[in-house]
Amino acid sequence: MDIVVTLDVMLATRKMRSKELAERIGLSEQNVSLLKSGKVRGIRFDTLARICDVLGCQPGDLLCRTKDETG
């Protein structure tokens, strides 16, 4: 099973750019970009909470579980 980060979809829905989110949650644009692309292995709960506060969503709105092809 894989966990997919759907931050890019949520940002598009909220009509917000990565740069604005990065400024509002106190992360670098590069780290937000890594989150959007799914190239991270983990995320701190406090970072996830700040993202949810800014975007007005729940953690489940940003994370999706999918089956991998070998499973």
N, C-alpha and C. Protein backbone atom coordinates (compact mmCIF):
# COMPACT_ATOMS: atom_id res chain seq x y z
N MET A 1 0.83 -1.18 0.00
CA MET A 1 0.00 0.00 0.00
C MET A 1 0.88 1.25 0.00
N ASP A 2 0.43 2.22 -0.73
CA ASP A 2 1.14 3.49 -0.79
C ASP A 2 0.24 4.60 -0.26
N ILE A 3 0.87 5.60 0.33
CA ILE A 3 0.17 6.80 0.75
C ILE A 3 0.50 7.89 -0.25
N VAL A 4 -0.52 8.51 -0.82
CA VAL A 4 -0.35 9.56 -1.81
C VAL A 4 -0.74 10.89 -1.17
N VAL A 5 0.11 11.90 -1.34
CA VAL A 5 -0.17 13.24 -0.83
C VAL A 5 -0.89 14.01 -1.93
N THR A 6 -2.08 14.52 -1.62
CA THR A 6 -2.88 15.25 -2.60
C THR A 6 -2.88 16.76 -2.31
N LEU A 7 -1.76 17.24 -1.81
CA LEU A 7 -1.64 18.67 -1.49
C LEU A 7 -1.83 19.53 -2.72
N ASP A 8 -1.34 19.09 -3.87
CA ASP A 8 -1.49 19.88 -5.09
C ASP A 8 -2.96 20.09 -5.46
N VAL A 9 -3.78 19.06 -5.26
CA VAL A 9 -5.20 19.16 -5.54
C VAL A 9 -5.86 20.15 -4.58
N MET A 10 -5.51 20.06 -3.30
CA MET A 10 -6.10 20.95 -2.31
C MET A 10 -5.70 22.41 -2.57
N LEU A 11 -4.45 22.63 -2.94
CA LEU A 11 -4.01 23.99 -3.26
C LEU A 11 -4.78 24.54 -4.46
N ALA A 12 -4.98 23.72 -5.48
CA ALA A 12 -5.74 24.16 -6.65
C ALA A 12 -7.18 24.48 -6.29
N THR A 13 -7.77 23.63 -5.45
CA THR A 13 -9.15 23.86 -5.01
C THR A 13 -9.27 25.17 -4.25
N ARG A 14 -8.27 25.47 -3.43
CA ARG A 14 -8.28 26.69 -2.61
C ARG A 14 -7.72 27.90 -3.36
N LYS A 15 -7.28 27.68 -4.62
CA LYS A 15 -6.69 28.74 -5.44
C LYS A 15 -5.55 29.44 -4.71
N MET A 16 -4.66 28.61 -4.16
CA MET A 16 -3.52 29.11 -3.41
C MET A 16 -2.24 28.57 -4.05
N ARG A 17 -1.23 29.38 -4.08
CA ARG A 17 0.06 28.97 -4.62
C ARG A 17 0.91 28.37 -3.50
N SER A 18 1.85 27.55 -3.90
CA SER A 18 2.76 26.92 -2.96
C SER A 18 3.52 27.95 -2.14
N LYS A 19 3.90 29.04 -2.79
CA LYS A 19 4.67 30.09 -2.12
C LYS A 19 3.88 30.68 -0.96
N GLU A 20 2.60 30.95 -1.18
CA GLU A 20 1.76 31.51 -0.12
C GLU A 20 1.62 30.52 1.04
N LEU A 21 1.38 29.25 0.71
CA LEU A 21 1.26 28.23 1.76
C LEU A 21 2.55 28.15 2.56
N ALA A 22 3.68 28.13 1.86
CA ALA A 22 4.98 28.04 2.53
C ALA A 22 5.17 29.19 3.52
N GLU A 23 4.82 30.40 3.10
CA GLU A 23 4.96 31.56 3.98
C GLU A 23 4.04 31.45 5.19
N ARG A 24 2.83 30.99 4.98
CA ARG A 24 1.85 30.93 6.06
C ARG A 24 2.10 29.81 7.07
N ILE A 25 2.78 28.74 6.64
CA ILE A 25 3.04 27.64 7.58
C ILE A 25 4.47 27.62 8.08
N GLY A 26 5.31 28.49 7.53
CA GLY A 26 6.68 28.58 8.02
C GLY A 26 7.62 27.52 7.49
N LEU A 27 7.38 27.03 6.27
CA LEU A 27 8.27 26.09 5.62
C LEU A 27 8.88 26.76 4.39
N SER A 28 9.96 26.18 3.91
CA SER A 28 10.54 26.70 2.67
C SER A 28 9.67 26.25 1.48
N GLU A 29 9.75 27.00 0.39
CA GLU A 29 9.03 26.62 -0.82
C GLU A 29 9.50 25.26 -1.31
N GLN A 30 10.77 24.98 -1.14
CA GLN A 30 11.33 23.70 -1.58
C GLN A 30 10.68 22.54 -0.82
N ASN A 31 10.49 22.70 0.48
CA ASN A 31 9.87 21.63 1.27
C ASN A 31 8.41 21.43 0.88
N VAL A 32 7.70 22.53 0.62
CA VAL A 32 6.31 22.42 0.17
C VAL A 32 6.27 21.72 -1.19
N SER A 33 7.21 22.04 -2.07
CA SER A 33 7.29 21.40 -3.37
C SER A 33 7.53 19.89 -3.24
N LEU A 34 8.39 19.51 -2.31
CA LEU A 34 8.63 18.08 -2.07
C LEU A 34 7.38 17.38 -1.56
N LEU A 35 6.63 18.06 -0.69
CA LEU A 35 5.37 17.50 -0.20
C LEU A 35 4.38 17.32 -1.36
N LYS A 36 4.27 18.34 -2.19
CA LYS A 36 3.34 18.28 -3.32
C LYS A 36 3.67 17.14 -4.26
N SER A 37 4.94 16.92 -4.50
CA SER A 37 5.36 15.91 -5.46
C SER A 37 5.34 14.50 -4.86
N GLY A 38 5.16 14.39 -3.55
CA GLY A 38 5.13 13.09 -2.91
C GLY A 38 6.50 12.49 -2.70
N LYS A 39 7.53 13.30 -2.76
CA LYS A 39 8.90 12.81 -2.61
C LYS A 39 9.39 12.84 -1.17
N VAL A 40 8.48 12.84 -0.23
CA VAL A 40 8.86 12.80 1.18
C VAL A 40 8.48 11.45 1.76
N ARG A 41 9.20 11.03 2.77
CA ARG A 41 8.93 9.74 3.41
C ARG A 41 8.08 9.91 4.66
N GLY A 42 7.91 11.16 5.11
CA GLY A 42 7.12 11.40 6.31
C GLY A 42 6.84 12.87 6.47
N ILE A 43 5.92 13.17 7.38
CA ILE A 43 5.58 14.55 7.69
C ILE A 43 5.29 14.65 9.18
N ARG A 44 5.75 15.71 9.78
CA ARG A 44 5.50 15.91 11.21
C ARG A 44 4.04 16.28 11.42
N PHE A 45 3.46 15.81 12.51
CA PHE A 45 2.06 16.11 12.79
C PHE A 45 1.81 17.60 12.94
N ASP A 46 2.76 18.33 13.54
CA ASP A 46 2.55 19.77 13.70
C ASP A 46 2.55 20.47 12.34
N THR A 47 3.37 20.01 11.40
CA THR A 47 3.37 20.57 10.05
C THR A 47 2.05 20.26 9.35
N LEU A 48 1.59 19.04 9.48
CA LEU A 48 0.32 18.64 8.89
C LEU A 48 -0.82 19.47 9.48
N ALA A 49 -0.78 19.71 10.78
CA ALA A 49 -1.82 20.51 11.44
C ALA A 49 -1.81 21.95 10.93
N ARG A 50 -0.61 22.52 10.74
CA ARG A 50 -0.52 23.90 10.22
C ARG A 50 -1.07 23.98 8.80
N ILE A 51 -0.75 22.99 7.98
CA ILE A 51 -1.28 22.97 6.61
C ILE A 51 -2.80 22.90 6.64
N CYS A 52 -3.34 22.03 7.48
CA CYS A 52 -4.80 21.89 7.59
C CYS A 52 -5.45 23.18 8.08
N ASP A 53 -4.81 23.85 9.03
CA ASP A 53 -5.35 25.12 9.53
C ASP A 53 -5.44 26.15 8.42
N VAL A 54 -4.36 26.27 7.64
CA VAL A 54 -4.32 27.27 6.58
C VAL A 54 -5.30 26.93 5.46
N LEU A 55 -5.39 25.66 5.09
CA LEU A 55 -6.25 25.26 3.98
C LEU A 55 -7.69 24.96 4.41
N GLY A 56 -7.93 24.94 5.71
CA GLY A 56 -9.28 24.67 6.20
C GLY A 56 -9.74 23.26 5.83
N CYS A 57 -8.89 22.28 6.09
CA CYS A 57 -9.22 20.90 5.73
C CYS A 57 -8.81 19.95 6.84
N GLN A 58 -9.03 18.67 6.62
CA GLN A 58 -8.65 17.62 7.55
C GLN A 58 -7.46 16.85 6.96
N PRO A 59 -6.66 16.17 7.79
CA PRO A 59 -5.54 15.40 7.26
C PRO A 59 -5.95 14.40 6.17
N GLY A 60 -7.12 13.81 6.32
CA GLY A 60 -7.61 12.86 5.32
C GLY A 60 -7.88 13.49 3.96
N ASP A 61 -8.03 14.82 3.93
CA ASP A 61 -8.21 15.51 2.66
C ASP A 61 -6.89 15.62 1.90
N LEU A 62 -5.78 15.45 2.60
CA LEU A 62 -4.45 15.61 2.01
C LEU A 62 -3.74 14.30 1.75
N LEU A 63 -4.23 13.23 2.35
CA LEU A 63 -3.57 11.93 2.24
C LEU A 63 -4.56 10.90 1.71
N CYS A 64 -4.08 10.06 0.81
CA CYS A 64 -4.92 9.03 0.21
C CYS A 64 -4.13 7.73 0.19
N ARG A 65 -4.76 6.65 0.55
CA ARG A 65 -4.11 5.34 0.55
C ARG A 65 -4.50 4.59 -0.72
N THR A 66 -3.50 4.09 -1.43
CA THR A 66 -3.75 3.35 -2.66
C THR A 66 -3.06 1.99 -2.60
N LYS A 67 -3.55 1.06 -3.37
CA LYS A 67 -2.91 -0.25 -3.47
C LYS A 67 -1.81 -0.16 -4.50
N ASP A 68 -0.66 -0.76 -4.19
CA ASP A 68 0.39 -0.84 -5.19
C ASP A 68 0.12 -2.03 -6.11
N GLU A 69 0.80 -2.08 -7.23
CA GLU A 69 0.54 -3.11 -8.23
C GLU A 69 0.98 -4.49 -7.79
N THR A 70 1.90 -4.58 -6.81
CA THR A 70 2.37 -5.88 -6.35
C THR A 70 1.47 -6.46 -5.27
N GLY A 71 0.61 -5.61 -4.66
CA GLY A 71 -0.24 -6.08 -3.57
C GLY A 71 -1.50 -6.63 -4.06
